[in-house]
Protein backbone atom coordinates (compact mmCIF):
# COMPACT_ATOMS: atom_id res chain seq x y z
CA MET A 1 0.43 -4.26 29.03
CA THR A 2 -1.45 -1.64 31.01
CA ARG A 3 -1.63 1.80 29.44
CA ASN A 4 -0.10 4.65 31.42
CA GLN A 5 -3.09 6.53 32.75
CA ASN A 6 -1.19 9.81 32.41
CA VAL A 7 -1.10 9.34 28.63
CA PRO A 8 -4.34 10.38 26.93
CA ALA A 9 -6.02 7.62 24.95
CA TYR A 10 -5.41 7.96 21.24
CA THR A 11 -8.70 7.61 19.41
CA GLY A 12 -7.48 8.44 15.91
CA ASP A 13 -8.41 12.12 16.14
CA ILE A 14 -5.83 14.89 16.28
CA ALA A 15 -6.33 17.21 19.23
CA GLU A 16 -6.63 20.87 18.37
CA GLN A 17 -3.69 22.93 19.53
CA GLN A 18 -4.47 25.87 21.77
CA ILE A 19 -2.38 28.72 20.37
CA THR A 20 -1.35 31.03 23.22
CA THR A 21 1.35 33.02 21.44
CA GLN A 22 1.22 35.20 18.36
CA GLU A 23 2.19 33.74 15.00
CA TYR A 24 5.53 34.81 13.55
CA SER A 25 5.59 37.71 11.13
CA LYS A 26 7.92 37.97 8.16
CA GLU A 27 10.14 40.25 10.23
CA ASN A 28 10.66 37.98 13.27
CA GLN A 29 11.43 34.62 11.70
CA GLU A 30 14.85 34.21 13.28
CA LEU A 31 15.19 32.77 16.79
CA SER A 32 18.08 32.55 19.24
CA PHE A 33 18.68 28.99 20.39
CA SER A 34 20.41 27.89 23.58
CA ASP A 35 23.67 25.98 23.67
CA GLU A 36 21.68 22.93 24.82
CA GLN A 37 19.32 23.17 21.84
CA HIS A 38 22.27 23.36 19.44
CA ALA A 39 23.80 20.37 21.28
CA ILE A 40 20.56 18.38 20.86
CA TRP A 41 20.56 19.25 17.13
CA ALA A 42 24.20 18.12 16.85
CA ASP A 43 23.51 14.81 18.61
CA LEU A 44 20.41 14.15 16.49
CA PHE A 45 22.35 14.95 13.32
CA ALA A 46 25.32 12.75 14.27
CA GLY A 47 23.07 9.90 15.36
CA ILE A 48 21.46 9.59 11.93
CA HIS A 49 24.06 10.96 9.51
CA GLN A 50 26.08 7.74 9.60
CA PRO A 51 26.88 5.69 6.46
CA TYR A 52 25.36 2.49 7.87
CA LEU A 53 22.03 4.34 8.10
CA THR A 54 22.14 6.86 5.24
CA GLU A 55 22.99 4.18 2.66
CA HIS A 56 19.37 3.07 3.08
CA ILE A 57 17.95 6.53 2.31
CA CYS A 58 17.02 7.38 -1.28
CA ASN A 59 19.46 9.12 -3.62
CA GLU A 60 17.46 12.36 -3.77
CA TRP A 61 17.84 13.00 -0.04
CA MET A 62 21.61 12.57 -0.32
CA THR A 63 21.68 15.03 -3.22
CA GLY A 64 19.56 17.46 -1.24
CA MET A 65 21.82 17.27 1.80
CA ASP A 66 24.73 18.35 -0.38
CA LEU A 67 22.69 21.26 -1.75
CA LEU A 68 21.20 22.38 1.58
CA LYS A 69 24.59 22.52 3.33
CA LEU A 70 23.28 22.09 6.87
CA ASP A 71 25.68 22.73 9.76
CA PRO A 72 25.90 19.47 11.75
CA LYS A 73 26.55 21.43 14.96
CA HIS A 74 24.06 24.31 14.76
CA ILE A 75 20.36 24.82 14.00
CA PRO A 76 20.19 26.73 10.69
CA THR A 77 18.65 30.16 10.30
CA VAL A 78 15.51 30.59 8.21
CA LYS A 79 17.57 32.81 5.89
CA HIS A 80 20.04 29.98 5.27
CA LEU A 81 17.18 27.64 4.36
CA ILE A 82 15.51 30.16 2.04
CA ASP A 83 18.82 30.98 0.33
CA HIS A 84 19.43 27.30 -0.46
CA ILE A 85 15.86 26.31 -1.35
CA THR A 86 13.85 29.14 -2.95
CA PRO A 87 16.18 29.76 -5.92
CA ARG A 88 16.15 26.02 -6.73
CA SER A 89 12.51 24.98 -6.27
CA GLY A 90 10.52 28.20 -5.84
CA TRP A 91 9.29 27.22 -2.38
CA HIS A 92 9.63 29.59 0.58
CA ILE A 93 10.30 28.69 4.22
CA GLU A 94 8.49 30.24 7.20
CA ARG A 95 8.56 29.55 10.91
CA THR A 96 5.31 28.83 12.75
CA VAL A 97 4.04 28.41 16.30
CA VAL A 98 1.57 25.83 14.99
CA ARG A 99 2.47 22.19 15.48
CA TYR A 100 0.75 19.49 13.48
CA THR A 101 -2.93 20.01 14.31
CA MET A 102 -5.87 19.65 11.95
CA ALA A 103 -3.65 20.17 8.87
CA ASP A 104 -5.72 23.05 7.45
CA ASP A 105 -3.12 25.65 8.50
CA TRP A 106 -0.41 23.74 6.69
CA TYR A 107 -2.34 23.17 3.45
CA LYS A 108 -3.29 26.85 3.19
CA LYS A 109 0.41 27.68 3.31
CA PHE A 110 1.24 24.84 0.91
CA ALA A 111 -1.13 26.48 -1.58
CA GLN A 112 1.15 29.55 -1.43
CA ARG A 113 4.23 27.33 -1.87
CA VAL A 114 5.30 28.02 1.71
CA PHE A 115 6.75 25.17 3.76
CA LEU A 116 6.30 25.70 7.49
CA ILE A 117 8.91 24.71 10.05
CA THR A 118 7.96 24.47 13.70
CA ASP A 119 9.60 26.61 16.36
CA TYR A 120 10.33 23.87 18.86
CA LEU A 121 12.92 21.14 19.16
CA ARG A 122 12.48 17.79 20.86
CA THR A 123 13.98 17.29 24.31
CA ARG A 124 16.68 14.88 25.49
CA ASP A 125 14.09 12.26 26.46
CA GLN A 126 12.76 12.22 22.87
CA MET A 127 16.05 11.68 21.05
CA GLU A 128 15.11 8.27 19.66
CA PHE A 129 11.53 9.14 18.73
CA THR A 130 9.28 12.18 18.90
CA PRO A 131 5.51 11.68 18.55
CA GLU A 132 4.99 14.94 16.65
CA PRO A 133 7.18 16.70 14.08
CA ASP A 134 9.77 19.12 15.46
CA MET A 135 12.16 21.45 13.66
CA PHE A 136 14.77 18.69 13.25
CA HIS A 137 12.15 16.59 11.47
CA ASP A 138 11.08 19.50 9.29
CA ILE A 139 14.59 20.60 8.34
CA PHE A 140 16.63 17.38 8.31
CA GLY A 141 13.84 15.17 6.96
CA HIS A 142 11.96 17.32 4.44
CA LEU A 143 14.07 20.25 3.35
CA PRO A 144 16.91 18.39 1.59
CA PHE A 145 14.23 17.20 -0.83
CA LEU A 146 12.76 20.68 -1.27
CA THR A 147 15.99 21.83 -2.92
CA GLN A 148 14.82 19.82 -5.94
CA GLU A 149 12.06 20.37 -8.48
CA PHE A 150 10.65 16.83 -8.30
CA TYR A 151 9.78 17.24 -4.62
CA ALA A 152 8.30 20.68 -5.19
CA ARG A 153 6.02 19.11 -7.82
CA ILE A 154 4.91 16.41 -5.36
CA GLU A 155 4.20 18.96 -2.63
CA ASP A 156 2.38 21.14 -5.17
CA LYS A 157 -0.21 18.39 -5.67
CA PHE A 158 -1.71 18.24 -2.18
CA ALA A 159 -3.03 21.72 -1.38
CA PRO A 160 -5.09 22.33 -4.58
CA ALA A 161 -6.87 19.01 -4.01
CA TYR A 162 -7.21 19.39 -0.22
CA LEU A 163 -8.82 22.83 -0.48
CA LYS A 164 -11.51 21.51 -2.87
CA ALA A 165 -12.00 18.09 -1.27
CA THR A 166 -14.91 16.84 0.78
CA THR A 167 -14.34 16.03 4.45
CA GLU A 168 -13.98 12.34 3.62
CA GLU A 169 -11.58 13.03 0.74
CA ARG A 170 -9.46 15.25 2.99
CA GLU A 171 -8.85 12.30 5.29
CA VAL A 172 -7.62 10.25 2.31
CA ILE A 173 -5.40 13.13 1.17
CA LYS A 174 -3.82 13.40 4.62
CA ARG A 175 -3.13 9.66 4.58
CA LEU A 176 -1.61 9.85 1.08
CA ALA A 177 0.71 12.63 2.27
CA TRP A 178 1.53 10.67 5.43
CA TYR A 179 2.45 7.46 3.59
CA SER A 180 4.42 9.21 0.84
CA THR A 181 6.33 12.28 2.02
CA GLU A 182 6.29 11.32 5.71
CA PHE A 183 6.58 7.52 5.81
CA GLY A 184 7.04 6.44 2.19
CA LEU A 185 9.57 3.98 0.79
CA VAL A 186 10.83 3.63 -2.78
CA VAL A 187 12.75 1.03 -4.78
CA GLN A 188 16.09 2.19 -6.20
CA ASN A 189 18.70 -0.10 -7.73
CA ASN A 190 16.44 -3.04 -6.78
CA ARG A 191 16.68 -2.19 -3.08
CA PHE A 192 14.15 -0.73 -0.68
CA LYS A 193 15.09 2.85 0.21
CA VAL A 194 13.63 5.31 2.70
CA PHE A 195 11.88 8.38 1.26
CA GLY A 196 9.64 9.66 4.06
CA ALA A 197 10.89 12.45 6.33
CA GLY A 198 9.25 10.88 9.38
CA ILE A 199 11.48 7.82 9.04
CA ILE A 200 14.61 9.74 8.05
CA SER A 201 14.47 12.11 11.01
CA GLY A 202 13.79 9.48 13.69
CA ARG A 203 16.68 7.14 14.47
CA LYS A 204 14.36 4.56 16.03
CA GLU A 205 11.99 4.61 13.05
CA LEU A 206 14.86 4.50 10.56
CA THR A 207 16.60 1.61 12.30
CA ARG A 208 13.38 -0.35 12.66
CA THR A 209 12.68 0.04 8.94
CA ILE A 210 16.21 -0.94 7.88
CA ILE A 211 16.05 -4.07 10.08
CA GLU A 212 12.93 -5.09 8.18
CA PHE A 213 14.76 -4.76 4.85
CA TYR A 214 17.36 -7.24 6.09
CA ARG A 215 14.78 -9.54 7.71
CA LEU A 216 12.93 -9.93 4.41
CA GLY A 217 16.13 -11.28 2.87
CA ARG A 218 17.14 -13.37 5.89
CA ASP A 219 13.75 -15.09 6.04
CA ASN A 220 13.67 -15.67 2.25
CA VAL A 221 10.58 -13.51 1.85
CA ILE A 222 12.32 -11.36 -0.77
CA ASP A 223 15.08 -12.60 -3.09
CA PHE A 224 17.21 -9.50 -3.68
CA THR A 225 18.75 -11.05 -6.80
CA LYS A 226 15.32 -10.71 -8.47
CA ASP A 227 12.79 -7.90 -8.95
CA VAL A 228 12.00 -6.90 -5.35
CA TYR A 229 8.92 -4.80 -6.13
CA HIS A 230 7.34 -7.55 -8.19
CA GLN A 231 7.86 -9.98 -5.32
CA LEU A 232 6.39 -7.51 -2.84
CA HIS A 233 3.34 -7.06 -5.05
CA GLN A 234 2.87 -10.82 -5.26
CA HIS A 235 2.95 -11.07 -1.45
CA PHE A 236 0.43 -8.24 -1.28
CA VAL A 237 -2.01 -9.97 -3.64
CA ALA A 238 -1.64 -13.31 -1.84
CA ASN A 239 -2.18 -11.74 1.60
CA LYS A 240 -4.59 -8.90 0.81
CA SER A 241 -7.46 -10.39 2.81
CA ASN A 242 -5.35 -10.72 5.97
CA LEU A 243 -3.79 -7.29 5.44
CA TYR A 244 -7.22 -5.68 5.31
CA LYS A 245 -8.30 -7.60 8.40
CA ILE A 246 -5.28 -6.18 10.22
CA ILE A 247 -6.02 -2.64 9.00
CA ASP A 248 -9.65 -2.88 10.09
CA GLY A 249 -8.58 -4.38 13.41
CA VAL A 250 -6.02 -1.62 14.03
CA ASN A 251 -8.66 0.96 13.11
CA ALA A 252 -10.98 -0.44 15.78
CA LEU A 253 -8.13 -0.42 18.33
CA HIS A 254 -7.37 3.21 17.52
CA GLN A 255 -10.95 4.15 18.26
CA LYS A 256 -10.74 2.41 21.64
CA GLY A 257 -7.56 4.33 22.50
CA GLN A 258 -5.41 1.20 22.58
CA MET A 259 -2.69 2.43 20.21
CA SER A 260 -1.44 5.34 22.30
CA SER A 261 2.27 4.48 22.12
CA ALA A 262 4.60 2.61 19.79
CA ASP A 263 5.58 -0.02 22.38
CA GLU A 264 2.06 -0.68 23.54
CA GLY A 265 0.73 -0.47 20.02
CA TRP A 266 2.98 -3.24 18.71
CA ASN A 267 2.01 -5.58 21.57
CA VAL A 268 -1.63 -4.90 20.77
CA VAL A 269 -1.01 -5.66 17.08
CA LEU A 270 0.64 -8.96 17.96
CA GLY A 271 -2.44 -9.80 19.99
CA LEU A 272 -4.54 -8.90 16.96
CA TYR A 273 -2.51 -11.32 14.81
CA LYS A 274 -3.26 -14.08 17.29
CA ASN A 275 -6.97 -13.29 17.40
CA LEU A 276 -7.13 -13.27 13.60
CA GLY A 277 -5.15 -16.49 13.27
CA ILE A 278 -2.35 -14.80 11.33
CA LYS A 279 1.08 -16.38 11.75
CA GLN A 280 4.10 -14.17 12.37
CA GLU A 281 5.90 -15.18 9.23
CA GLY A 282 6.46 -13.97 5.67
CA ILE A 283 5.50 -10.32 5.28
CA PHE A 284 4.00 -10.48 8.79
CA GLY A 285 7.23 -11.66 10.44
CA GLY A 286 8.81 -8.32 11.36
CA ASP A 287 8.09 -5.13 13.29
CA VAL A 288 6.67 -3.45 10.21
CA ILE A 289 4.75 -4.66 7.14
CA LEU A 290 5.80 -3.42 3.71
CA ILE A 291 3.00 -2.98 1.14
CA PRO A 292 2.95 -1.59 -2.41
CA PHE A 293 1.86 2.07 -2.47
CA ASN A 294 -1.79 2.19 -3.57
CA VAL A 295 -4.75 4.47 -2.87
CA GLU A 296 -7.27 1.72 -2.05
CA THR A 297 -5.24 0.34 0.86
CA ILE A 298 -4.05 3.70 2.17
CA ALA A 299 -7.64 4.98 2.24
CA ARG A 300 -8.49 2.17 4.70
CA ILE A 301 -5.69 3.06 7.13
CA PRO A 302 -6.82 4.70 10.38
CA LYS A 303 -5.90 8.29 11.15
CA THR A 304 -2.35 8.11 12.36
CA VAL A 305 -0.19 10.92 13.67
CA TYR A 306 0.77 10.27 17.26
CA ALA A 307 0.12 6.55 17.36
CA PHE A 308 2.00 3.53 16.12
CA ASN A 309 0.95 1.97 12.84
CA PRO A 310 2.56 -1.25 11.60
CA MET A 311 2.50 -0.61 7.84
CA LEU A 312 4.73 1.26 5.39
CA PHE A 313 4.07 1.69 1.67
CA VAL A 314 6.60 1.14 -1.12
CA SER A 315 6.59 2.74 -4.57
CA ASP A 316 8.38 1.07 -7.47
CA SER A 317 9.88 4.49 -8.26
CA LEU A 318 9.29 8.13 -7.42
CA GLU A 319 7.73 8.48 -10.86
CA GLU A 320 5.21 5.76 -9.97
CA MET A 321 4.43 7.48 -6.65
CA ASP A 322 3.89 10.71 -8.57
CA ALA A 323 1.49 9.03 -11.00
CA ILE A 324 -0.52 7.33 -8.22
CA LEU A 325 -0.86 10.61 -6.33
CA ASP A 326 -1.99 12.30 -9.56
CA SER A 327 -4.66 9.65 -10.14
CA TYR A 328 -6.42 10.64 -6.91
CA LEU A 329 -5.48 14.29 -6.37
CA LYS A 330 -5.67 15.77 -9.86
CA PRO A 331 -9.40 15.15 -10.54
CA ILE A 332 -10.26 16.76 -7.18
CA ALA A 333 -7.98 19.75 -7.80
CA GLN A 334 -9.56 20.33 -11.24
CA ARG A 335 -13.11 20.68 -9.92
CA LYS A 336 -14.84 23.98 -10.65
């Protein structure tokens, strides 16, 4: 497939955003949205908040949705979000003109226990997938969790480590955040469940992930009458060499700008399978590869924000995810 020449090549680096408008003050957090923006919010909400999809999202998100009391038809005010979050978890919500850029802006606010929500909403042509987080992602994906102490504790881990980390360690920290709070999965009741806000808030991403859950059972890769995480770990150990070859291959493709869209990216990955002699079967038989959440593997993953990446990481429980994050982040945060 030939890459659209109008789309800039994705090399793995995040382009700096040129800020042309003034950042929001504490006094001007509230915005007026058009009827069309509220209609887009309503359609996004209705498209995902369906039982056949939400039954695959982890229990804590469902609890948080009840606590956050979002209006399915209207974009919430910042005041509504603060009123339903700050008394419960201690975190504050602020609007920002900054999109996801080099991450430093976000981690400085995280250190103050401030969660930033962007001031823009995706357009009609991005209903199925948006390449960068918008306010629907921030609010619908993340904020139900932030009504709860456990999520506040997870978010509390990243900034203290990031602000003391070396440049190389910061890249690992960003990946750990990406593959936990953005694109993480967790096992609950011996089933794979979605935890990451990036999957929850994108109907295409959510559907693609759920299809993989079913494919693993259909193709007898995972026996759901037995311990699913143990089986996944066994597949990981047996296929670790090929998994790392794929990661290194994808990393090289990123640097060449060949992963600039999800559709093109997957075709390129299939070509990589062929070149590496990896059959499309077992854990490699779907549109996404599930791998146990671990620092060693995540640290090898290429920088990934706008581009497609074919791997998602699964924790045996949120407690296990918490412990693994601690093992890497806590020693960095405790440096003098």
